[in-house]
Protein backbone atom coordinates (compact mmCIF):
# COMPACT_ATOMS: atom_id res chain seq x y z
CA UNK A 1 15.95 -10.19 -4.79
CA UNK A 2 14.21 -12.61 -2.47
CA UNK A 3 11.10 -11.80 -0.45
CA UNK A 4 11.71 -10.68 3.12
CA UNK A 5 9.58 -11.13 6.21
CA UNK A 6 9.25 -8.03 8.37
CA UNK A 7 9.50 -8.62 12.12
CA UNK A 8 6.32 -6.85 13.24
CA UNK A 9 7.05 -7.25 16.95
CA UNK A 10 10.42 -5.55 16.51
CA UNK A 11 8.90 -2.69 14.49
CA UNK A 12 6.11 -2.22 17.07
CA UNK A 13 8.67 -2.04 19.88
CA UNK A 14 10.74 0.55 18.05
CA UNK A 15 7.69 2.72 17.40
CA UNK A 16 6.09 2.52 20.85
CA UNK A 17 7.66 5.74 22.12
CA UNK A 18 6.69 7.71 19.00
CA UNK A 19 3.10 6.52 19.29
CA UNK A 20 2.87 7.84 22.86
CA UNK A 21 3.78 11.34 21.69
CA UNK A 22 1.98 10.98 18.32
CA UNK A 23 5.18 12.10 16.62
CA UNK A 24 6.60 10.47 13.54
CA UNK A 25 9.75 8.40 13.95
CA UNK A 26 12.88 10.00 12.43
CA UNK A 27 12.81 7.87 9.26
CA UNK A 28 14.80 10.55 7.41
CA UNK A 29 17.73 9.87 9.76
CA UNK A 30 17.72 6.10 9.37
CA UNK A 31 20.03 4.80 6.64
CA UNK A 32 19.96 0.98 6.76
CA UNK A 33 21.03 -1.08 3.76
CA UNK A 34 18.33 -2.42 1.44
CA UNK A 35 17.02 -5.68 2.93
CA UNK A 36 14.80 -6.94 0.09
CA UNK A 37 11.18 -6.91 -1.03
CA UNK A 38 8.17 -7.88 1.04
CA UNK A 39 4.76 -8.89 -0.23
CA UNK A 40 2.99 -5.68 0.76
CA UNK A 41 0.93 -3.45 -1.51
CA UNK A 42 -0.93 -0.18 -1.12
CA UNK A 43 -3.74 -0.13 -3.64
CA UNK A 44 -5.07 2.94 -5.42
CA UNK A 45 -8.14 2.98 -3.15
CA UNK A 46 -5.89 3.45 -0.08
CA UNK A 47 -6.16 -0.12 1.24
CA UNK A 48 -3.05 -1.92 2.48
CA UNK A 49 -2.48 -5.60 1.66
CA UNK A 50 0.08 -8.10 2.99
CA UNK A 51 0.64 -11.56 1.53
CA UNK A 52 -2.68 -11.42 -0.35
CA UNK A 53 -4.87 -10.33 2.58
CA UNK A 54 -6.10 -6.85 3.41
CA UNK A 55 -4.66 -5.32 6.58
CA UNK A 56 -7.85 -4.41 8.42
CA UNK A 57 -6.44 -3.09 11.69
CA UNK A 58 -6.20 0.71 11.33
CA UNK A 59 -3.50 0.88 14.04
CA UNK A 60 -1.30 -1.51 12.05
CA UNK A 61 -1.72 0.52 8.83
CA UNK A 62 -0.96 3.74 10.74
CA UNK A 63 2.18 2.15 12.19
CA UNK A 64 3.40 1.07 8.74
CA UNK A 65 2.61 4.50 7.27
CA UNK A 66 4.73 6.16 9.97
CA UNK A 67 7.87 4.33 8.72
CA UNK A 68 7.17 4.77 5.01
CA UNK A 69 9.93 6.26 2.87
CA UNK A 70 9.87 7.39 -0.77
CA UNK A 71 13.03 7.21 -2.85
CA UNK A 72 13.56 7.20 -6.63
CA UNK A 73 9.88 6.45 -7.37
CA UNK A 74 9.90 3.46 -5.00
CA UNK A 75 8.46 3.01 -1.52
CA UNK A 76 10.11 1.37 1.48
CA UNK A 77 9.32 0.56 5.08
CA UNK A 78 12.36 1.69 7.05
CA UNK A 79 13.55 0.95 10.58
CA UNK A 80 16.97 1.75 12.04
CA UNK A 81 18.19 -1.70 10.92
CA UNK A 82 16.30 -2.61 7.74
CA UNK A 83 14.78 -1.16 4.59
CA UNK A 84 12.23 -3.27 2.68
CA UNK A 85 10.54 -2.35 -0.59
CA UNK A 86 6.75 -2.44 -0.96
CA UNK A 87 4.49 -1.86 -3.97
CA UNK A 88 2.25 1.21 -4.33
CA UNK A 89 -0.34 1.44 -7.12
CA UNK A 90 -0.85 5.23 -7.05
CA UNK A 91 0.22 7.05 -3.90
CA UNK A 92 0.62 5.61 -0.40
CA UNK A 93 -1.66 7.89 1.59
CA UNK A 94 -5.35 8.72 1.31
CA UNK A 95 -7.11 11.87 2.56
CA UNK A 96 -10.47 11.15 4.18
CA UNK A 97 -11.32 14.45 5.88
CA UNK A 98 -10.80 18.20 5.48
CA UNK A 99 -11.05 21.02 8.03
CA UNK A 100 -11.49 24.66 7.01
CA UNK A 101 -10.38 27.34 9.47
CA UNK A 102 -9.59 31.03 9.43
CA UNK A 103 -6.21 31.97 10.90
CA UNK A 104 -5.07 35.61 10.97
CA UNK A 105 -7.64 36.47 8.31
CA UNK A 106 -6.54 33.66 5.97
CA UNK A 107 -8.39 30.50 5.02
CA UNK A 108 -6.43 27.43 6.10
CA UNK A 109 -7.22 23.95 4.76
CA UNK A 110 -6.09 20.98 6.82
CA UNK A 111 -6.36 17.47 5.41
CA UNK A 112 -6.47 14.31 7.51
CA UNK A 113 -5.41 10.97 6.08
CA UNK A 114 -6.73 7.54 6.92
CA UNK A 115 -3.40 7.01 8.72
CA UNK A 116 -3.90 10.05 10.99
CA UNK A 117 -1.53 12.47 9.24
CA UNK A 118 -2.68 16.10 9.41
CA UNK A 119 -1.43 18.25 6.55
CA UNK A 120 -2.08 21.96 6.12
CA UNK A 121 -2.03 23.00 2.46
CA UNK A 122 0.56 25.71 1.92
CA UNK A 123 4.10 26.28 0.76
CA UNK A 124 5.40 22.91 2.02
CA UNK A 125 2.25 20.94 1.22
CA UNK A 126 1.12 21.76 -2.29
CA UNK A 127 -2.18 20.65 -3.79
CA UNK A 128 -2.14 19.41 -7.38
CA UNK A 129 -4.83 17.95 -9.61
CA UNK A 130 -4.17 15.64 -12.54
CA UNK A 131 -6.89 15.10 -15.13
CA UNK A 132 -7.20 11.80 -16.97
CA UNK A 133 -6.99 12.71 -20.68
CA UNK A 134 -9.50 10.01 -21.68
CA UNK A 135 -12.16 10.31 -18.97
CA UNK A 136 -11.39 13.92 -17.91
CA UNK A 137 -11.79 12.71 -14.32
CA UNK A 138 -9.70 14.73 -11.83
CA UNK A 139 -7.26 13.09 -9.42
CA UNK A 140 -6.40 15.51 -6.57
CA UNK A 141 -3.26 15.10 -4.43
CA UNK A 142 -1.47 16.90 -1.61
CA UNK A 143 2.22 16.63 -0.72
CA UNK A 144 2.66 15.05 2.71
CA UNK A 145 6.31 14.27 3.57
CA UNK A 146 9.50 12.77 2.17
CA UNK A 147 8.26 13.24 -1.40
CA UNK A 148 5.09 11.26 -0.69
CA UNK A 149 1.64 12.42 -1.64
CA UNK A 150 -1.87 11.63 -0.45
CA UNK A 151 -4.83 11.34 -2.77
CA UNK A 152 -8.01 13.16 -1.74
CA UNK A 153 -11.07 10.92 -1.67
CA UNK A 154 -14.05 11.98 -3.77
CA UNK A 155 -16.04 13.51 -0.87
CA UNK A 156 -13.09 15.65 0.23
CA UNK A 157 -12.50 16.81 -3.33
CA UNK A 158 -16.18 17.82 -3.63
CA UNK A 159 -15.88 19.78 -0.36
CA UNK A 160 -12.77 21.47 -1.75
CA UNK A 161 -14.54 22.30 -5.03
CA UNK A 162 -17.36 23.99 -3.05
CA UNK A 163 -14.76 26.46 -1.75
CA UNK A 164 -13.40 27.19 -5.23
CA UNK A 165 -13.72 30.44 -7.17
CA UNK A 166 -12.97 31.31 -10.78
CA UNK A 167 -9.78 33.05 -11.90
CA UNK A 168 -8.50 33.68 -15.40
CA UNK A 169 -4.84 32.68 -15.84
CA UNK A 170 -3.14 33.05 -19.23
CA UNK A 171 -6.50 33.15 -21.00
CA UNK A 172 -7.91 30.04 -19.27
CA UNK A 173 -10.53 29.89 -16.54
CA UNK A 174 -9.27 28.04 -13.44
CA UNK A 175 -11.11 26.92 -10.33
CA UNK A 176 -8.92 28.08 -7.43
CA UNK A 177 -8.82 27.52 -3.69
CA UNK A 178 -6.80 29.33 -1.03
CA UNK A 179 -4.92 27.95 1.93
CA UNK A 180 -2.41 29.68 4.20
CA UNK A 181 -1.98 32.58 1.76
CA UNK A 182 -1.43 30.42 -1.33
CA UNK A 183 -3.67 29.72 -4.30
CA UNK A 184 -4.08 26.25 -5.80
CA UNK A 185 -5.72 25.40 -9.13
CA UNK A 186 -8.23 22.58 -9.13
CA UNK A 187 -8.29 22.62 -12.91
CA UNK A 188 -9.51 24.52 -15.93
CA UNK A 189 -12.91 24.67 -17.57
């Protein structure tokens, strides 16, 4: 499949109304045919690259993230008229901040991504932690939307770990955190 060039002016025009209201465009309703691949990559550190250069304008990255779609372990930028595949090293979104609140007597954890998504951990937004078998380093994630996850940066994960408490589950000690009435394991020790 040949490389495709995305018409940025057209995409910006289509998203202008959604940016005014800070709502996400209805990507889940758009069903264009596959248009090809573009030379865009989201690296494991959360940086976005296009044609070999880093995209440094946060507004541009936020715009692209708003039209991101996950399907069959692949990632696409989708508009009403085109669907182009991009490359993602780990996950497409990156959590840079966490807020802790108490709502109706429950702790609520809200995560904010570098692309301005706000996600409250709970039944629709699960937290999971993978541990590298060789280094034993944890990689924490939260479900965002459309089957896409965000990785928590190291500082946010440390803040989360400070809230953790120990619970024994099936004979193993887990570090657990609560959000919106649910418990999430940060790993065993």
